[in-house]
Amino acid sequence: MRVRRLWLTDFRNYRDADITLGGGFTVVVGPNGCGKTSLLEAIGYLARLESFRGATLDTMVRHGAGSSVIRAEAESRNRELLIEAELVPGGRSRCQLNRQPVRNGKELASLMQVSVFTPDDVLLVKGGPVHRRRFLDETLGTMHSRNLALRHDLERVLRQRNALLKQAGGRTNAEVEATLDVWDGRLAEVGEELAALRSQLVGRLQPVVGDVYGSLAESRAATGLTYRRGWAGDLLGALKGSRCEDLRRTVTTVGPQRDELDLVLGDLPARTHASQGEQRTLALSLRLAGHQVATETLGFAPVLLLDDVLSELDERRSRRLVGVLPEGQSIMTTAGALPEGDVHPELVLSLEAGRVR
């Protein structure tokens, strides 16, 4: 997977940009606020049809413009791709793949894959369970588009079940019970499958995370990953057992939306006992491990996007990171200098106020 060329029109602070990218290690340098992250965001949008920053369409369109356009020439699975997206706040945004309309992100997922690391990824370790569940689901989605559909199915079923619980208002009758039976069956089916996939993924990540962390930190501290379901036995039975509580609280209290990924560093919980540097290194190890597992599954490497990854790492760990970057296309942004030593990017792009030099 490789993005060769990127065009931006009225995207963020880019009025008009035409950027050629290297197929290996590219570094994007420039002061804060010049558009480095926006460049990565544009590439990520073409893969997922959403911003990895959680941004809305109106914030991605340059101030004063009515819409923005992102276009890219790429190559994936020996296939030439032209991906074009028009972002229209309050209107109908569009995307085309080789001049053919794309209905949703799942259509692109089998061809255009990215792995993204941002400074906020420290929340994978120090934040709540939702960040770790999202990491697992994003990695599964990169590995296969059907996993994206499974996650969307879970969200849809939960919305419907929770809406019914709120509508019931703590009271029940034969109609509510019968409808809950239907949604319980669907939630059990989707939830069991997603939880099983997450658990299998954690098993594959476990040894890779340990290897990557050891390389980055030059430490023998043991890392541990454990996927913990929030129910015992089968999910359908757990949902029936929690029905009274769910009706009282008007929300679904059991299911994969409540599961946790426990992270251990040196036999202690990383969330509460690891230092800031250890947490950031572990978060980066998780992302790089996810990228490696996705590469093994796909048979080719997704585009690796590393946003401001060096800002919180010391010189030694920064140098180690560059040394362990996987083969394939990787694009790293930085506001400072690259670490000294044997660091040789294929291409360096210098940005200033939305202009590329």
Foldseek 3Di string as FASTA:
>chain_A
DWWAWKWKDQFQLANTDIDGDDWWEEEEAEAPPQCQVVVVQLLVCLQAVAGPVRDDLVNGGHPPDQKMKMWIWTAFPNDTWIKMWIRGVVDDIWIDIVNHTDDGNLVRLLGAAEFEDDPVLLCCAQNDQVSVLVLLLNLVCNLHSVSVVLVVQLVVLQVVQLVLLVVCQLHDDPVSVVVNLVSLVSQLVSQVVNLVSSQVVQVQLQVQLQVQLCLLVVDNWHKDKDKFAPDPDGSSVVQVVCVSVCSNVSGRPHTPSPIGIFMDTNNHGRNPPNDSQSSLSSSVSSSVSSQVVSCVSSVHGHEYEYEQSCVPYDLSSQVSVQVPDDTTHYYYYHHDDRRDDDHDGPYYWYGGSNYTD
